[in-house]
Protein backbone atom coordinates (compact mmCIF):
# COMPACT_ATOMS: atom_id res chain seq x y z
CA MET A 1 -208.03 -29.48 25.66
CA LYS A 2 -210.55 -28.71 22.90
CA SER A 3 -208.96 -25.39 21.97
CA SER A 4 -205.41 -26.78 21.79
CA LYS A 5 -203.91 -27.47 18.37
CA ALA A 6 -201.08 -29.50 19.87
CA ARG A 7 -199.12 -32.11 17.96
CA VAL A 8 -198.80 -34.99 20.40
CA VAL A 9 -196.67 -38.11 20.71
CA ILE A 10 -197.16 -40.68 23.46
CA VAL A 11 -194.02 -42.09 25.10
CA GLY A 12 -194.63 -45.73 25.98
CA ALA A 13 -196.29 -48.28 23.69
CA GLY A 14 -197.56 -50.70 26.33
CA GLY A 15 -200.93 -51.35 27.92
CA HIS A 16 -201.26 -47.88 29.41
CA GLY A 17 -200.36 -46.42 26.03
CA SER A 18 -203.18 -48.39 24.44
CA GLU A 19 -205.59 -46.89 26.97
CA ILE A 20 -204.33 -43.38 26.26
CA GLN A 21 -204.80 -43.93 22.53
CA ALA A 22 -208.46 -44.68 23.23
CA TYR A 23 -208.69 -41.46 25.27
CA MET A 24 -207.16 -39.52 22.39
CA ARG A 25 -209.83 -40.86 20.07
CA GLU A 26 -212.48 -39.73 22.54
CA LEU A 27 -210.94 -36.25 22.50
CA LEU A 28 -211.09 -36.18 18.71
CA ARG A 29 -214.73 -37.24 18.73
CA ASP A 30 -215.37 -34.50 21.29
CA GLY A 31 -214.00 -31.84 18.96
CA TRP A 32 -210.32 -31.59 19.91
CA ASP A 33 -208.47 -30.06 16.95
CA GLY A 34 -204.98 -31.28 17.76
CA GLN A 35 -202.98 -33.99 16.00
CA PHE A 36 -202.03 -37.35 17.52
CA LEU A 37 -198.90 -38.55 15.71
CA GLY A 38 -198.27 -41.93 17.36
CA PHE A 39 -195.99 -43.59 19.91
CA VAL A 40 -192.32 -43.41 20.83
CA ASP A 41 -190.71 -46.31 22.70
CA ASP A 42 -187.07 -47.35 23.16
CA ALA A 43 -188.03 -51.00 23.64
CA VAL A 44 -190.56 -51.54 20.83
CA PRO A 45 -189.54 -51.75 17.15
CA LYS A 46 -190.68 -49.07 14.76
CA GLY A 47 -193.91 -49.91 12.95
CA ARG A 48 -197.22 -51.43 13.91
CA HIS A 49 -197.26 -52.97 17.41
CA ARG A 50 -200.61 -54.59 18.18
CA ASN A 51 -202.99 -51.65 17.75
CA LEU A 52 -200.32 -48.93 18.16
CA GLU A 53 -198.22 -47.09 15.57
CA VAL A 54 -194.65 -46.78 16.89
CA LEU A 55 -192.66 -43.95 15.31
CA GLY A 56 -189.29 -45.01 16.72
CA THR A 57 -187.11 -44.39 19.76
CA LEU A 58 -186.68 -41.21 21.76
CA ALA A 59 -183.29 -40.68 20.12
CA GLU A 60 -184.89 -41.00 16.68
CA LEU A 61 -187.55 -38.51 17.69
CA ALA A 62 -184.88 -36.05 18.84
CA SER A 63 -182.99 -36.44 15.53
CA ASN A 64 -185.83 -34.82 13.60
CA SER A 65 -185.47 -31.29 12.28
CA THR A 66 -185.98 -28.27 14.50
CA ASN A 67 -189.06 -27.41 12.45
CA PHE A 68 -190.58 -30.83 13.17
CA LEU A 69 -189.85 -30.57 16.90
CA MET A 70 -191.23 -27.05 17.13
CA ASP A 71 -194.61 -27.10 18.91
CA LEU A 72 -194.35 -30.87 19.41
CA THR A 73 -195.68 -32.11 22.75
CA TYR A 74 -195.60 -35.45 24.56
CA LEU A 75 -197.37 -37.42 27.26
CA THR A 76 -195.80 -40.35 29.09
CA ALA A 77 -197.72 -43.63 29.14
CA VAL A 78 -195.78 -45.44 31.86
CA GLY A 79 -197.42 -46.32 35.16
CA ASP A 80 -194.27 -46.63 37.27
CA ASN A 81 -193.59 -43.23 38.84
CA ALA A 82 -189.79 -43.50 38.90
CA ALA A 83 -189.68 -44.71 35.29
CA ARG A 84 -191.95 -41.86 34.26
CA ARG A 85 -189.59 -39.35 35.87
CA ARG A 86 -186.61 -40.89 34.03
CA ILE A 87 -188.45 -40.62 30.72
CA VAL A 88 -189.22 -36.95 31.31
CA GLU A 89 -185.57 -36.29 32.15
CA ARG A 90 -184.47 -38.15 29.01
CA VAL A 91 -186.87 -36.23 26.76
CA THR A 92 -185.56 -32.98 28.23
CA SER A 93 -181.95 -34.09 27.76
CA LEU A 94 -182.40 -35.24 24.16
CA CYS A 95 -184.70 -32.50 22.93
CA GLY A 96 -183.33 -29.56 24.88
CA GLY A 97 -186.71 -28.36 26.01
CA GLN A 98 -188.13 -28.05 22.48
CA VAL A 99 -190.65 -30.85 23.08
CA LYS A 100 -193.03 -29.81 25.84
CA PRO A 101 -195.17 -31.94 28.17
CA TRP A 102 -198.86 -32.14 27.28
CA THR A 103 -201.77 -32.53 29.69
CA LEU A 104 -204.69 -34.82 28.84
CA LEU A 105 -208.10 -34.26 30.40
CA HIS A 106 -210.57 -36.87 29.22
CA PRO A 107 -213.93 -35.38 28.17
CA SER A 108 -215.67 -37.17 31.05
CA ALA A 109 -213.27 -35.83 33.70
CA PHE A 110 -214.62 -33.12 36.00
CA VAL A 111 -212.37 -30.25 37.08
CA GLY A 112 -213.90 -27.71 39.44
CA GLU A 113 -213.09 -24.12 40.29
CA ALA A 114 -209.63 -22.88 41.32
CA VAL A 115 -207.98 -26.18 40.37
CA GLU A 116 -204.40 -26.35 39.09
CA ILE A 117 -203.35 -29.28 36.90
CA GLY A 118 -199.62 -29.65 36.25
CA GLU A 119 -198.09 -30.21 32.83
CA GLY A 120 -197.81 -33.76 31.56
CA THR A 121 -200.61 -35.04 33.80
CA LEU A 122 -203.39 -37.42 32.75
CA LEU A 123 -206.98 -37.27 33.99
CA ALA A 124 -208.58 -40.51 32.81
CA PRO A 125 -212.31 -41.16 32.25
CA GLY A 126 -214.53 -40.36 35.22
CA THR A 127 -211.87 -38.61 37.29
CA ILE A 128 -212.97 -35.79 39.59
CA VAL A 129 -210.98 -32.89 41.04
CA THR A 130 -213.49 -30.77 42.92
CA SER A 131 -212.20 -27.33 43.97
CA ARG A 132 -209.14 -25.42 45.19
CA ALA A 133 -206.92 -28.44 44.60
CA ARG A 134 -203.48 -28.67 43.06
CA ILE A 135 -202.35 -31.67 41.00
CA GLY A 136 -198.64 -31.76 40.21
CA ARG A 137 -196.66 -32.48 37.06
CA HIS A 138 -196.64 -35.83 35.24
CA CYS A 139 -199.25 -37.44 37.48
CA ILE A 140 -201.71 -40.18 36.57
CA LEU A 141 -205.25 -39.88 37.89
CA ASN A 142 -206.63 -43.15 36.64
CA VAL A 143 -210.23 -44.16 35.90
CA LYS A 144 -212.73 -42.77 38.45
CA ALA A 145 -210.08 -41.48 40.86
CA SER A 146 -211.28 -38.45 42.83
CA VAL A 147 -209.52 -35.63 44.66
CA SER A 148 -211.57 -33.36 46.91
CA HIS A 149 -211.26 -29.73 47.95
CA ASP A 150 -208.04 -28.09 49.13
CA CYS A 151 -205.81 -31.08 48.39
CA GLU A 152 -202.21 -30.90 47.20
CA VAL A 153 -200.91 -33.76 45.08
CA GLY A 154 -197.20 -33.66 44.26
CA ASP A 155 -195.35 -34.43 41.04
CA TYR A 156 -195.11 -37.96 39.55
CA VAL A 157 -197.95 -39.31 41.69
CA SER A 158 -200.19 -42.21 40.64
CA LEU A 159 -203.78 -42.45 41.83
CA ASN A 160 -204.96 -45.81 40.56
CA PRO A 161 -208.54 -46.63 39.49
CA GLY A 162 -211.21 -45.80 42.04
CA VAL A 163 -208.96 -43.98 44.52
CA THR A 164 -210.74 -41.47 46.78
CA VAL A 165 -208.72 -38.63 48.28
CA CYS A 166 -210.88 -36.65 50.69
CA GLY A 167 -210.49 -32.96 51.43
CA MET A 168 -207.38 -31.15 52.68
CA CYS A 169 -204.97 -34.04 52.06
CA ARG A 170 -201.32 -33.76 51.06
CA ILE A 171 -199.68 -36.39 48.86
CA GLY A 172 -195.93 -36.17 48.33
CA ASP A 173 -193.96 -36.49 45.11
CA GLY A 174 -193.77 -39.97 43.62
CA ALA A 175 -196.37 -41.56 45.91
CA CYS A 176 -198.50 -44.40 44.55
CA ILE A 177 -202.05 -44.99 45.82
CA GLY A 178 -203.44 -48.42 44.95
CA ALA A 179 -206.76 -49.12 43.28
CA GLY A 180 -209.83 -48.46 45.42
CA ALA A 181 -207.90 -46.97 48.34
CA THR A 182 -209.39 -44.15 50.42
CA VAL A 183 -207.48 -41.32 52.08
CA ILE A 184 -209.66 -39.63 54.70
CA ASN A 185 -209.79 -35.89 55.34
CA GLY A 186 -206.63 -34.06 56.27
CA MET A 187 -204.15 -36.92 55.92
CA GLU A 188 -200.58 -36.55 54.67
CA ILE A 189 -198.86 -39.22 52.58
CA GLY A 190 -195.12 -38.78 52.26
CA ALA A 191 -193.05 -38.75 49.10
CA LEU A 192 -192.50 -42.17 47.45
CA ALA A 193 -194.94 -43.89 49.82
CA VAL A 194 -197.02 -46.79 48.49
CA ILE A 195 -200.60 -47.37 49.64
CA GLY A 196 -202.01 -50.81 48.91
CA ALA A 197 -205.17 -51.46 46.92
CA GLY A 198 -208.33 -51.08 48.99
CA ALA A 199 -206.53 -49.54 51.96
CA VAL A 200 -208.12 -46.85 54.12
CA VAL A 201 -205.63 -44.23 55.29
CA THR A 202 -206.70 -42.87 58.69
CA ARG A 203 -203.33 -41.56 59.87
CA ASN A 204 -200.38 -39.77 58.27
CA ILE A 205 -198.04 -42.01 56.27
CA PRO A 206 -194.29 -41.21 56.32
CA PRO A 207 -192.21 -40.93 53.15
CA GLY A 208 -190.93 -44.06 51.43
CA VAL A 209 -193.00 -46.68 53.26
CA THR A 210 -195.65 -49.17 52.17
CA ALA A 211 -198.98 -49.25 54.01
CA VAL A 212 -201.84 -51.69 53.44
CA GLY A 213 -205.13 -52.73 54.99
CA VAL A 214 -208.12 -51.21 56.78
CA PRO A 215 -207.02 -49.12 58.50
CA ALA A 216 -203.75 -48.80 56.58
CA ARG A 217 -200.73 -50.03 58.54
CA ILE A 218 -197.08 -49.78 57.58
CA THR A 219 -195.71 -53.13 56.41
CA LYS A 220 -192.47 -52.05 54.77
CA THR A 221 -190.01 -49.23 55.34
CA ASP A 222 -187.53 -47.89 52.81
C-alpha cells in the first residue's frame, strides 16, 4: 500500500474501527502517502467518538460532490460477515460505484509469491499468506492468522486472531473461523459455516453449519 495515494474512509466506528485506525497510523509511519479522512457510521453521531473522528452517515457521505467522491475509497470495519456484505451493498447503492473498496495490508503482514488479495480485504498485524493462495473480497484476516499454499478463501470470510489454515484448503463465502482454530491440509469449509474458537478441522465441513471442538464436530445445522 505504500505507493497508493488513496483517500480512505473507514465504515464502522466501533472496536474494530479503532483497531484499523491504529493500523492506518502504522501505515503512515511506514511511508504510506495516502490520506485517512475518518469514519462513517449510521449509528454513531457526527463528531468525536472516543478516539475516532466520525464524519457522518453513509447517506451524508454520498451527498458530497462528485469531485469529493472521485478517487475516494473505503474499508469496512465490521466483524460480522453478513453485516459487512450489507454495508458494501449499501455503499454501492448510495455512491453508484464512485467510491471503491480499499485493501489494507499492515506493514508486518507477509504476502508471498503468486498470491491474490481481493478488494476491500484487511490483513492485520502478523498475518501470513504464503504462496499461490487466493483471498477473496472484503475478508478479515485478523492478527496472526495464516493461510498456507494453494488455498482459496472466498468473499466476506473472517479468519479470527491466530487461525491457521494449512495448505490446499477451500473456505466458502461468508465462513467464520474462530480464534486459534486450525484447518488441516486439504479441508473444505462450506459457505456461511462457523468454526468455533480453538477447533481443529480434520474433515470437510458442509455449508451453513457450526462445528466446534478437537476434532471439530458439527453442533448446529442451518
